[in-house]
Each structure stands twice: as structure tokens, then as C-alpha cells.
């Protein structure tokens, strides 16, 4: 009978360890889910920033091209034909 009780105690200990490991993994999964959500928000913010900076760069490029065209026109007008 003592041998059977020992087996039940071992089984109980193993089940307790399994439940503890499951709880630990569940907590870790929740923590990683939160970190993932934060990183996804960060990626979204950076993506929006890149899009905004690309648009600003394109606007600046267009302005520079416009100024260069105006200079070309001005220089062409000053040259004798």
C-alpha cells in the first residue's frame, strides 16, 4: 500500500509541475503577445513616417526641379540668339 501511495505522490508532483509549467507558458505567451502588439504599432508608426518623409522628399525634389527649370529659362532668355 505504501508503494501505491508513493506512486500517487509522484503522480501528484508531476501533475503539479505540469500545471505550473502550463501557467508559466500561458503567462509568457501573453507577455509575448503584448510585445508583438507594441512592435506592430511601432512598425505602423515607422511605416507612416517613411511614407511622410518620402512625400516630403518628392515635394522638395519637384520644387528643386521647378527652380532649375526657371533658372534654365532665365539663362536661355539672357543668351543672344
C-alpha atoms as a PDB file:
ATOM      1  CA  UNK A   1       0.000   0.000   0.000  1.00  0.00           C
ATOM      2  CA  UNK A   2       2.849   2.363   0.781  1.00  0.00           C
ATOM      3  CA  UNK A   3       4.275   1.734  -2.658  1.00  0.00           C
ATOM      4  CA  UNK A   4       0.970   2.775  -4.251  1.00  0.00           C
ATOM      5  CA  UNK A   5       0.845   5.923  -2.092  1.00  0.00           C
ATOM      6  CA  UNK A   6       4.374   6.781  -3.216  1.00  0.00           C
ATOM      7  CA  UNK A   7       3.296   6.381  -6.840  1.00  0.00           C
ATOM      8  CA  UNK A   8       0.314   8.687  -6.252  1.00  0.00           C
ATOM      9  CA  UNK A   9       2.585  11.269  -4.619  1.00  0.00           C
ATOM     10  CA  UNK A  10       4.944  11.087  -7.573  1.00  0.00           C
ATOM     11  CA  UNK A  11       1.996  11.408  -9.956  1.00  0.00           C
ATOM     12  CA  UNK A  12       0.636  14.347  -7.954  1.00  0.00           C
ATOM     13  CA  UNK A  13       4.053  16.046  -8.040  1.00  0.00           C
ATOM     14  CA  UNK A  14       4.382  15.531 -11.789  1.00  0.00           C
ATOM     15  CA  UNK A  15       0.877  16.908 -12.404  1.00  0.00           C
ATOM     16  CA  UNK A  16       1.676  19.917 -10.213  1.00  0.00           C
ATOM     17  CA  UNK A  17       4.860  20.527 -12.223  1.00  0.00           C
ATOM     18  CA  UNK A  18       2.893  20.204 -15.465  1.00  0.00           C
ATOM     19  CA  UNK A  19       0.243  22.683 -14.287  1.00  0.00           C
ATOM     20  CA  UNK A  20       2.949  25.123 -13.146  1.00  0.00           C
ATOM     21  CA  UNK A  21       4.743  24.823 -16.486  1.00  0.00           C
ATOM     22  CA  UNK A  22       1.457  25.396 -18.337  1.00  0.00           C
ATOM     23  CA  UNK A  23       0.717  28.507 -16.246  1.00  0.00           C
ATOM     24  CA  UNK A  24       4.228  29.811 -16.869  1.00  0.00           C
ATOM     25  CA  UNK A  25       3.935  29.253 -20.612  1.00  0.00           C
ATOM     26  CA  UNK A  26       0.499  30.899 -20.668  1.00  0.00           C
ATOM     27  CA  UNK A  27       1.930  33.979 -18.948  1.00  0.00           C
ATOM     28  CA  UNK A  28       4.894  34.046 -21.296  1.00  0.00           C
ATOM     29  CA  UNK A  29       2.579  33.778 -24.304  1.00  0.00           C
ATOM     30  CA  UNK A  30       0.504  36.712 -23.034  1.00  0.00           C
ATOM     31  CA  UNK A  31       3.641  38.772 -22.449  1.00  0.00           C
ATOM     32  CA  UNK A  32       4.965  37.976 -25.925  1.00  0.00           C
ATOM     33  CA  UNK A  33       1.575  38.850 -27.410  1.00  0.00           C
ATOM     34  CA  UNK A  34       1.735  42.270 -25.769  1.00  0.00           C
ATOM     35  CA  UNK A  35       5.275  42.812 -27.030  1.00  0.00           C
ATOM     36  CA  UNK A  36       4.210  41.783 -30.527  1.00  0.00           C
ATOM     37  CA  UNK A  37       1.305  44.242 -30.450  1.00  0.00           C
ATOM     38  CA  UNK A  38       3.687  47.010 -29.356  1.00  0.00           C
ATOM     39  CA  UNK A  39       6.142  46.174 -32.137  1.00  0.00           C
ATOM     40  CA  UNK A  40       3.319  46.118 -34.694  1.00  0.00           C
ATOM     41  CA  UNK A  41       2.280  49.611 -33.569  1.00  0.00           C
ATOM     42  CA  UNK A  42       5.893  50.712 -33.791  1.00  0.00           C
ATOM     43  CA  UNK A  43       6.168  49.290 -37.311  1.00  0.00           C
ATOM     44  CA  UNK A  44       2.951  51.034 -38.314  1.00  0.00           C
ATOM     45  CA  UNK A  45       4.260  54.342 -36.964  1.00  0.00           C
ATOM     46  CA  UNK A  46       7.579  53.925 -38.747  1.00  0.00           C
ATOM     47  CA  UNK A  47       5.845  52.961 -41.985  1.00  0.00           C
ATOM     48  CA  UNK A  48       3.735  56.109 -41.786  1.00  0.00           C
ATOM     49  CA  UNK A  49       6.857  58.173 -41.052  1.00  0.00           C
ATOM     50  CA  UNK A  50       8.672  56.697 -44.066  1.00  0.00           C
ATOM     51  CA  UNK A  51       5.660  57.456 -46.281  1.00  0.00           C
ATOM     52  CA  UNK A  52       5.513  61.037 -44.975  1.00  0.00           C
ATOM     53  CA  UNK A  53       9.254  61.551 -45.461  1.00  0.00           C
ATOM     54  CA  UNK A  54       9.078  60.104 -48.975  1.00  0.00           C
ATOM     55  CA  UNK A  55       6.281  62.513 -49.824  1.00  0.00           C
ATOM     56  CA  UNK A  56       8.259  65.426 -48.377  1.00  0.00           C
ATOM     57  CA  UNK A  57      11.339  64.363 -50.361  1.00  0.00           C
ATOM     58  CA  UNK A  58       9.268  64.157 -53.559  1.00  0.00           C
ATOM     59  CA  UNK A  59       7.827  67.619 -52.904  1.00  0.00           C
ATOM     60  CA  UNK A  60      11.327  69.022 -52.315  1.00  0.00           C
ATOM     61  CA  UNK A  61      12.599  67.334 -55.495  1.00  0.00           C
ATOM     62  CA  UNK A  62       9.745  68.844 -57.510  1.00  0.00           C
ATOM     63  CA  UNK A  63      10.479  72.317 -56.092  1.00  0.00           C
ATOM     64  CA  UNK A  64      14.188  71.996 -56.925  1.00  0.00           C
ATOM     65  CA  UNK A  65      13.354  70.835 -60.446  1.00  0.00           C
ATOM     66  CA  UNK A  66      10.982  73.783 -60.829  1.00  0.00           C
ATOM     67  CA  UNK A  67      13.641  76.217 -59.677  1.00  0.00           C
ATOM     68  CA  UNK A  68      16.205  74.662 -62.022  1.00  0.00           C
ATOM     69  CA  UNK A  69      13.759  74.953 -64.925  1.00  0.00           C
ATOM     70  CA  UNK A  70      13.141  78.589 -64.084  1.00  0.00           C
ATOM     71  CA  UNK A  71      16.891  79.190 -63.986  1.00  0.00           C
ATOM     72  CA  UNK A  72      17.282  77.462 -67.358  1.00  0.00           C
ATOM     73  CA  UNK A  73      14.551  79.671 -68.813  1.00  0.00           C
ATOM     74  CA  UNK A  74      16.147  82.754 -67.305  1.00  0.00           C
ATOM     75  CA  UNK A  75      19.603  81.827 -68.597  1.00  0.00           C
ATOM     76  CA  UNK A  76      18.190  80.953 -72.042  1.00  0.00           C
ATOM     77  CA  UNK A  77      16.426  84.299 -72.203  1.00  0.00           C
ATOM     78  CA  UNK A  78      19.682  86.170 -71.485  1.00  0.00           C
ATOM     79  CA  UNK A  79      21.634  84.419 -74.240  1.00  0.00           C
ATOM     80  CA  UNK A  80      21.752  86.091 -77.595  1.00  0.00           C
ATOM     81  CA  UNK A  81      20.044  84.099 -80.321  1.00  0.00           C
END
